[in-house]
N, C-alpha and C. Protein backbone atom coordinates (compact mmCIF):
# COMPACT_ATOMS: atom_id res chain seq x y z
N MET A 1 11.56 38.20 -30.46
CA MET A 1 11.98 36.84 -30.71
C MET A 1 12.40 36.73 -32.17
N ILE A 2 13.43 35.96 -32.42
CA ILE A 2 13.92 35.72 -33.78
C ILE A 2 13.21 34.49 -34.35
N LYS A 3 12.75 34.61 -35.59
CA LYS A 3 12.07 33.52 -36.27
C LYS A 3 12.86 33.14 -37.52
N LEU A 4 12.83 31.88 -37.86
CA LEU A 4 13.31 31.42 -39.15
C LEU A 4 12.07 31.23 -40.00
N ARG A 5 11.95 32.03 -41.06
CA ARG A 5 10.74 31.98 -41.87
C ARG A 5 11.09 32.13 -43.34
N LEU A 6 10.08 32.01 -44.19
CA LEU A 6 10.27 32.13 -45.63
C LEU A 6 9.99 33.56 -46.08
N LYS A 7 10.82 34.05 -47.00
CA LYS A 7 10.62 35.35 -47.63
C LYS A 7 10.36 35.09 -49.11
N ARG A 8 9.22 35.52 -49.60
CA ARG A 8 8.82 35.21 -50.97
C ARG A 8 9.48 36.16 -51.96
N TYR A 9 9.92 35.61 -53.07
CA TYR A 9 10.34 36.42 -54.20
C TYR A 9 10.08 35.62 -55.47
N GLY A 10 10.32 36.20 -56.62
CA GLY A 10 10.00 35.55 -57.89
C GLY A 10 8.76 36.21 -58.50
N LYS A 11 8.54 35.92 -59.76
CA LYS A 11 7.41 36.58 -60.41
C LYS A 11 6.08 35.92 -60.06
N LYS A 12 5.02 36.59 -60.41
CA LYS A 12 3.67 36.15 -60.06
C LYS A 12 3.41 34.76 -60.63
N GLY A 13 2.93 33.86 -59.78
CA GLY A 13 2.63 32.50 -60.19
C GLY A 13 3.83 31.57 -60.18
N GLU A 14 5.02 32.10 -59.96
CA GLU A 14 6.23 31.29 -59.92
C GLU A 14 7.05 31.66 -58.68
N PRO A 15 6.56 31.34 -57.50
CA PRO A 15 7.25 31.77 -56.29
C PRO A 15 8.52 30.97 -56.00
N SER A 16 9.45 31.64 -55.40
CA SER A 16 10.63 31.03 -54.79
C SER A 16 10.75 31.68 -53.42
N TYR A 17 11.46 31.05 -52.54
CA TYR A 17 11.55 31.56 -51.18
C TYR A 17 12.99 31.54 -50.69
N ARG A 18 13.31 32.50 -49.86
CA ARG A 18 14.56 32.49 -49.13
C ARG A 18 14.24 32.17 -47.68
N ILE A 19 15.06 31.38 -47.05
CA ILE A 19 14.91 31.09 -45.62
C ILE A 19 15.74 32.13 -44.90
N ILE A 20 15.08 32.91 -44.03
CA ILE A 20 15.74 34.04 -43.39
C ILE A 20 15.55 34.00 -41.88
N ALA A 21 16.43 34.68 -41.19
CA ALA A 21 16.26 34.95 -39.76
C ALA A 21 15.78 36.39 -39.66
N ILE A 22 14.69 36.60 -38.95
CA ILE A 22 14.07 37.92 -38.88
C ILE A 22 13.34 38.07 -37.56
N ASN A 23 13.18 39.29 -37.11
CA ASN A 23 12.40 39.57 -35.91
C ASN A 23 10.95 39.19 -36.18
N ASN A 24 10.28 38.56 -35.24
CA ASN A 24 8.93 38.07 -35.49
C ASN A 24 7.91 39.18 -35.70
N LEU A 25 8.22 40.42 -35.34
CA LEU A 25 7.28 41.52 -35.54
C LEU A 25 7.44 42.18 -36.90
N ALA A 26 8.48 41.82 -37.66
CA ALA A 26 8.71 42.42 -38.97
C ALA A 26 7.79 41.81 -40.00
N ARG A 27 7.55 42.55 -41.08
CA ARG A 27 6.69 42.04 -42.15
C ARG A 27 7.36 40.91 -42.91
N ARG A 28 6.58 40.14 -43.64
CA ARG A 28 7.08 38.93 -44.30
C ARG A 28 8.25 39.21 -45.23
N ASP A 29 8.18 40.26 -46.03
CA ASP A 29 9.22 40.56 -46.99
C ASP A 29 10.12 41.70 -46.51
N GLY A 30 10.18 41.89 -45.20
CA GLY A 30 11.01 42.95 -44.63
C GLY A 30 12.48 42.60 -44.68
N ARG A 31 13.29 43.48 -44.15
CA ARG A 31 14.73 43.29 -44.17
C ARG A 31 15.14 42.23 -43.15
N PRO A 32 15.79 41.17 -43.62
CA PRO A 32 16.16 40.08 -42.70
C PRO A 32 17.42 40.40 -41.92
N LEU A 33 17.59 39.72 -40.79
CA LEU A 33 18.85 39.79 -40.06
C LEU A 33 19.93 39.03 -40.82
N GLU A 34 19.52 37.90 -41.43
CA GLU A 34 20.46 37.04 -42.14
C GLU A 34 19.69 36.13 -43.08
N GLU A 35 20.23 35.90 -44.29
CA GLU A 35 19.65 34.95 -45.22
C GLU A 35 20.37 33.62 -45.05
N LEU A 36 19.60 32.56 -44.82
CA LEU A 36 20.18 31.27 -44.44
C LEU A 36 19.93 30.16 -45.44
N GLY A 37 19.20 30.42 -46.49
CA GLY A 37 18.95 29.34 -47.44
C GLY A 37 17.97 29.76 -48.52
N PHE A 38 17.64 28.79 -49.35
CA PHE A 38 16.79 29.00 -50.51
C PHE A 38 15.89 27.78 -50.67
N TYR A 39 14.64 28.01 -51.07
CA TYR A 39 13.69 26.92 -51.31
C TYR A 39 12.85 27.24 -52.52
N ASN A 40 12.82 26.31 -53.49
CA ASN A 40 12.00 26.46 -54.67
C ASN A 40 10.97 25.34 -54.67
N PRO A 41 9.71 25.62 -54.38
CA PRO A 41 8.70 24.56 -54.29
C PRO A 41 8.35 23.94 -55.64
N ARG A 42 8.61 24.64 -56.73
CA ARG A 42 8.27 24.09 -58.06
C ARG A 42 9.21 22.97 -58.46
N THR A 43 10.49 23.08 -58.09
CA THR A 43 11.47 22.05 -58.45
C THR A 43 11.94 21.27 -57.22
N ASP A 44 11.46 21.64 -56.05
CA ASP A 44 11.86 21.03 -54.78
C ASP A 44 13.35 21.20 -54.49
N GLU A 45 13.94 22.26 -55.03
CA GLU A 45 15.35 22.55 -54.79
C GLU A 45 15.50 23.25 -53.45
N VAL A 46 16.46 22.79 -52.65
CA VAL A 46 16.72 23.38 -51.34
C VAL A 46 18.23 23.57 -51.20
N ARG A 47 18.65 24.78 -50.84
CA ARG A 47 20.04 25.05 -50.50
C ARG A 47 20.05 25.70 -49.13
N LEU A 48 20.83 25.15 -48.21
CA LEU A 48 20.84 25.63 -46.83
C LEU A 48 22.25 25.98 -46.38
N ASP A 49 22.34 27.06 -45.59
CA ASP A 49 23.58 27.40 -44.89
C ASP A 49 23.47 26.73 -43.52
N VAL A 50 23.83 25.44 -43.48
CA VAL A 50 23.60 24.64 -42.28
C VAL A 50 24.32 25.20 -41.05
N PRO A 51 25.60 25.59 -41.14
CA PRO A 51 26.24 26.16 -39.93
C PRO A 51 25.53 27.42 -39.42
N GLY A 52 25.06 28.26 -40.32
CA GLY A 52 24.33 29.46 -39.91
C GLY A 52 23.00 29.15 -39.26
N ILE A 53 22.30 28.15 -39.80
CA ILE A 53 21.01 27.75 -39.24
C ILE A 53 21.21 27.14 -37.86
N VAL A 54 22.22 26.27 -37.73
CA VAL A 54 22.50 25.64 -36.44
C VAL A 54 22.82 26.71 -35.40
N LYS A 55 23.62 27.70 -35.80
CA LYS A 55 23.98 28.80 -34.88
C LYS A 55 22.73 29.54 -34.41
N ARG A 56 21.84 29.87 -35.35
CA ARG A 56 20.61 30.60 -34.99
C ARG A 56 19.70 29.75 -34.10
N LEU A 57 19.58 28.47 -34.38
CA LEU A 57 18.74 27.60 -33.55
C LEU A 57 19.29 27.48 -32.14
N GLN A 58 20.61 27.41 -32.00
CA GLN A 58 21.22 27.34 -30.68
C GLN A 58 21.05 28.65 -29.91
N GLN A 59 20.89 29.76 -30.63
CA GLN A 59 20.66 31.06 -30.00
C GLN A 59 19.19 31.23 -29.61
N GLY A 60 18.34 30.30 -30.00
CA GLY A 60 16.94 30.35 -29.58
C GLY A 60 15.96 30.75 -30.66
N ALA A 61 16.38 30.81 -31.91
CA ALA A 61 15.46 31.15 -33.00
C ALA A 61 14.42 30.04 -33.16
N GLN A 62 13.19 30.43 -33.47
CA GLN A 62 12.09 29.49 -33.63
C GLN A 62 11.69 29.40 -35.10
N PRO A 63 11.77 28.22 -35.73
CA PRO A 63 11.35 28.09 -37.12
C PRO A 63 9.82 28.02 -37.24
N THR A 64 9.31 28.53 -38.35
CA THR A 64 7.89 28.36 -38.62
C THR A 64 7.64 26.90 -39.00
N ASP A 65 6.39 26.50 -39.10
CA ASP A 65 6.06 25.09 -39.39
C ASP A 65 6.65 24.64 -40.73
N THR A 66 6.55 25.49 -41.76
CA THR A 66 7.06 25.13 -43.07
C THR A 66 8.58 25.01 -43.05
N VAL A 67 9.25 25.95 -42.42
CA VAL A 67 10.71 25.91 -42.34
C VAL A 67 11.14 24.70 -41.50
N ARG A 68 10.42 24.40 -40.44
CA ARG A 68 10.73 23.25 -39.61
C ARG A 68 10.68 21.96 -40.45
N HIS A 69 9.68 21.84 -41.31
CA HIS A 69 9.55 20.67 -42.17
C HIS A 69 10.72 20.58 -43.15
N ILE A 70 11.12 21.70 -43.74
CA ILE A 70 12.26 21.72 -44.67
C ILE A 70 13.53 21.31 -43.94
N LEU A 71 13.73 21.81 -42.72
CA LEU A 71 14.93 21.48 -41.95
C LEU A 71 14.93 20.02 -41.50
N GLN A 72 13.76 19.47 -41.19
CA GLN A 72 13.68 18.07 -40.80
C GLN A 72 14.05 17.16 -41.98
N LYS A 73 13.62 17.52 -43.19
CA LYS A 73 13.97 16.73 -44.36
C LYS A 73 15.47 16.76 -44.62
N ALA A 74 16.14 17.85 -44.24
CA ALA A 74 17.58 17.98 -44.45
C ALA A 74 18.38 17.52 -43.23
N ASN A 75 17.72 16.97 -42.22
CA ASN A 75 18.36 16.46 -40.99
C ASN A 75 19.20 17.51 -40.26
N VAL A 76 18.73 18.74 -40.24
CA VAL A 76 19.46 19.82 -39.56
C VAL A 76 19.31 19.71 -38.05
N PHE A 77 18.17 19.26 -37.56
CA PHE A 77 17.95 19.20 -36.10
C PHE A 77 18.86 18.16 -35.44
N GLU A 78 19.24 17.12 -36.18
CA GLU A 78 20.18 16.15 -35.63
C GLU A 78 21.54 16.79 -35.37
N GLN A 79 21.94 17.72 -36.24
CA GLN A 79 23.21 18.42 -36.06
C GLN A 79 23.15 19.39 -34.90
N VAL A 80 21.99 19.98 -34.66
CA VAL A 80 21.83 20.90 -33.53
C VAL A 80 21.98 20.14 -32.22
N SER A 81 21.29 19.01 -32.11
CA SER A 81 21.38 18.24 -30.87
C SER A 81 22.75 17.61 -30.70
N GLY A 82 23.40 17.24 -31.79
CA GLY A 82 24.73 16.65 -31.73
C GLY A 82 25.77 17.65 -31.26
N LYS A 83 25.68 18.90 -31.72
CA LYS A 83 26.64 19.91 -31.31
C LYS A 83 26.39 20.39 -29.88
N ALA A 84 25.13 20.32 -29.44
CA ALA A 84 24.82 20.78 -28.09
C ALA A 84 25.38 19.80 -27.05
N SER A 85 25.48 18.52 -27.40
CA SER A 85 25.96 17.54 -26.41
C SER A 85 27.46 17.44 -26.36
N THR A 86 28.17 17.96 -27.37
CA THR A 86 29.63 17.89 -27.36
C THR A 86 30.25 19.09 -26.71
């Protein structure tokens, strides 16, 4: 199963994360299938590849709870349901 999850990078005590699509059996910092965004919890900066995320969600990818919350704040799920009905 494909998951949308966070991949940690940055120096110790100053984490940043990339939102990636990855096989659910792979390790957290393993090689992703695709990088779909960026999240910095210290500054609350979020950059998303919305068309790529929508494509992965329509293919059946499952976001983790944290990624789901980030996507809900960016109203990505509304775009998924809107494109599915057209």
